[in-house]
C-alpha atoms as a PDB file:
ATOM      1  CA  MET A   1      -8.438  -3.986  13.383  1.00  0.00           C
ATOM      2  CA  LYS A   2      -6.751  -0.687  12.549  1.00  0.00           C
ATOM      3  CA  GLU A   3      -8.389   1.342   9.453  1.00  0.00           C
ATOM      4  CA  SER A   4      -5.166   0.872   7.408  1.00  0.00           C
ATOM      5  CA  ALA A   5      -5.751  -2.817   7.395  1.00  0.00           C
ATOM      6  CA  ARG A   6      -8.468  -2.066   5.081  1.00  0.00           C
ATOM      7  CA  TYR A   7      -5.559  -1.149   2.360  1.00  0.00           C
ATOM      8  CA  ALA A   8      -4.017  -3.581   0.433  1.00  0.00           C
ATOM      9  CA  LYS A   9      -0.009  -2.709   0.566  1.00  0.00           C
ATOM     10  CA  ILE A  10       2.032  -3.929  -2.109  1.00  0.00           C
ATOM     11  CA  VAL A  11       5.650  -4.187  -2.174  1.00  0.00           C
ATOM     12  CA  GLU A  12       7.576  -5.531  -5.206  1.00  0.00           C
ATOM     13  CA  TRP A  13      10.719  -5.434  -7.164  1.00  0.00           C
ATOM     14  CA  SER A  14      11.079  -2.724  -9.943  1.00  0.00           C
ATOM     15  CA  GLU A  15      13.707  -3.439 -12.623  1.00  0.00           C
ATOM     16  CA  GLU A  16      13.880  -0.398 -13.690  1.00  0.00           C
ATOM     17  CA  ASP A  17      14.717   1.462 -10.517  1.00  0.00           C
ATOM     18  CA  GLN A  18      16.495  -1.607  -9.388  1.00  0.00           C
ATOM     19  CA  CYS A  19      15.028  -1.411  -5.688  1.00  0.00           C
ATOM     20  CA  TYR A  20      12.051  -2.659  -3.750  1.00  0.00           C
ATOM     21  CA  VAL A  21       8.762  -0.326  -4.435  1.00  0.00           C
ATOM     22  CA  GLY A  22       5.754   0.045  -2.134  1.00  0.00           C
ATOM     23  CA  SER A  23       2.427   1.240  -3.345  1.00  0.00           C
ATOM     24  CA  ALA A  24      -0.963   1.435  -1.851  1.00  0.00           C
ATOM     25  CA  PRO A  25      -3.387   1.300  -5.072  1.00  0.00           C
ATOM     26  CA  GLY A  26      -6.365   3.435  -4.229  1.00  0.00           C
ATOM     27  CA  LEU A  27      -5.316   5.302  -1.333  1.00  0.00           C
ATOM     28  CA  LEU A  28      -2.475   7.121  -2.480  1.00  0.00           C
ATOM     29  CA  TYR A  29      -0.069   8.140  -5.292  1.00  0.00           C
ATOM     30  CA  GLY A  30       3.640   7.145  -4.754  1.00  0.00           C
ATOM     31  CA  GLY A  31       4.955   5.269  -1.888  1.00  0.00           C
ATOM     32  CA  CYS A  32       8.252   4.459  -1.108  1.00  0.00           C
ATOM     33  CA  HIS A  33      11.404   2.594  -2.129  1.00  0.00           C
ATOM     34  CA  GLY A  34      14.415   0.674  -0.717  1.00  0.00           C
ATOM     35  CA  ASP A  35      16.995  -2.028  -0.837  1.00  0.00           C
ATOM     36  CA  ASN A  36      15.079  -3.778   1.632  1.00  0.00           C
ATOM     37  CA  GLU A  37      11.996  -5.511   1.063  1.00  0.00           C
ATOM     38  CA  ARG A  38      10.773  -5.986   4.968  1.00  0.00           C
ATOM     39  CA  GLU A  39      11.905  -1.703   5.712  1.00  0.00           C
ATOM     40  CA  VAL A  40       9.867  -0.832   2.198  1.00  0.00           C
ATOM     41  CA  PHE A  41       7.053  -2.466   3.907  1.00  0.00           C
ATOM     42  CA  ASP A  42       7.414  -1.244   7.241  1.00  0.00           C
ATOM     43  CA  GLN A  43       7.763   1.957   5.715  1.00  0.00           C
ATOM     44  CA  LEU A  44       4.710   1.646   3.706  1.00  0.00           C
ATOM     45  CA  CYS A  45       2.876   0.874   6.442  1.00  0.00           C
ATOM     46  CA  GLN A  46       3.284   3.715   8.505  1.00  0.00           C
ATOM     47  CA  ILE A  47       2.905   6.077   5.399  1.00  0.00           C
ATOM     48  CA  VAL A  48      -0.441   4.502   5.044  1.00  0.00           C
ATOM     49  CA  GLU A  49      -1.169   4.987   8.717  1.00  0.00           C
ATOM     50  CA  GLU A  50      -0.362   8.848   8.289  1.00  0.00           C
ATOM     51  CA  THR A  51      -2.545   8.792   5.213  1.00  0.00           C
ATOM     52  CA  VAL A  52      -5.396   7.781   7.149  1.00  0.00           C
ATOM     53  CA  ALA A  53      -4.829  10.499  10.213  1.00  0.00           C
ATOM     54  CA  VAL A  54      -4.959  12.834   7.205  1.00  0.00           C
ATOM     55  CA  TYR A  55      -7.839  11.820   5.432  1.00  0.00           C
ATOM     56  CA  HIS A  56      -9.561  12.119   8.908  1.00  0.00           C
ATOM     57  CA  GLN A  57      -8.139  15.667  10.062  1.00  0.00           C
ATOM     58  CA  THR A  58      -8.811  17.164   6.882  1.00  0.00           C
ATOM     59  CA  GLY A  59     -12.537  15.708   7.179  1.00  0.00           C
ATOM     60  CA  ARG A  60     -12.022  14.227   3.596  1.00  0.00           C
ATOM     61  CA  GLU A  61     -13.841  10.890   2.618  1.00  0.00           C
ATOM     62  CA  MET A  62     -11.886   7.620   2.402  1.00  0.00           C
ATOM     63  CA  PRO A  63     -11.512   5.823  -0.433  1.00  0.00           C
ATOM     64  CA  PRO A  64     -13.222   2.576  -0.686  1.00  0.00           C
ATOM     65  CA  PRO A  65     -10.893  -0.323   0.910  1.00  0.00           C
ATOM     66  CA  THR A  66      -9.037  -2.317  -1.334  1.00  0.00           C
ATOM     67  CA  SER A  67      -8.009  -5.263   1.221  1.00  0.00           C
ATOM     68  CA  ASN A  68     -10.249  -8.599   1.186  1.00  0.00           C
ATOM     69  CA  ARG A  69     -10.626  -8.475  -2.497  1.00  0.00           C
ATOM     70  CA  ASP A  70      -8.726 -11.740  -2.704  1.00  0.00           C
ATOM     71  CA  TYR A  71      -6.156 -10.277  -5.387  1.00  0.00           C
ATOM     72  CA  ALA A  72      -3.882 -12.991  -4.634  1.00  0.00           C
ATOM     73  CA  ASN A  73      -6.238 -15.812  -5.771  1.00  0.00           C
ATOM     74  CA  LYS A  74      -7.248 -13.626  -8.637  1.00  0.00           C
ATOM     75  CA  MET A  75      -3.525 -12.729  -9.990  1.00  0.00           C
ATOM     76  CA  GLN A  76      -2.936 -16.499  -9.629  1.00  0.00           C
ATOM     77  CA  GLY A  77      -5.064 -16.722 -12.809  1.00  0.00           C
ATOM     78  CA  VAL A  78      -2.761 -14.323 -14.740  1.00  0.00           C
ATOM     79  CA  ALA A  79       0.381 -16.076 -14.235  1.00  0.00           C
END
């Protein structure tokens, strides 16, 4: 398993921006955006991998993982 898989990646539609926005909460601020949901996800995955590499290159401690926290089932209780 790639270390980048330990971090949740979210792509959602932004009414305000009228495009898809990708983010990885807990790992990086900002993210990416675009008109194609799949392309935004692919770009986000690449950004997450690059961010993990930068953490290692600079000797910074990795943030706690955000995957495997069962967000999908928790979100069902919100809707």
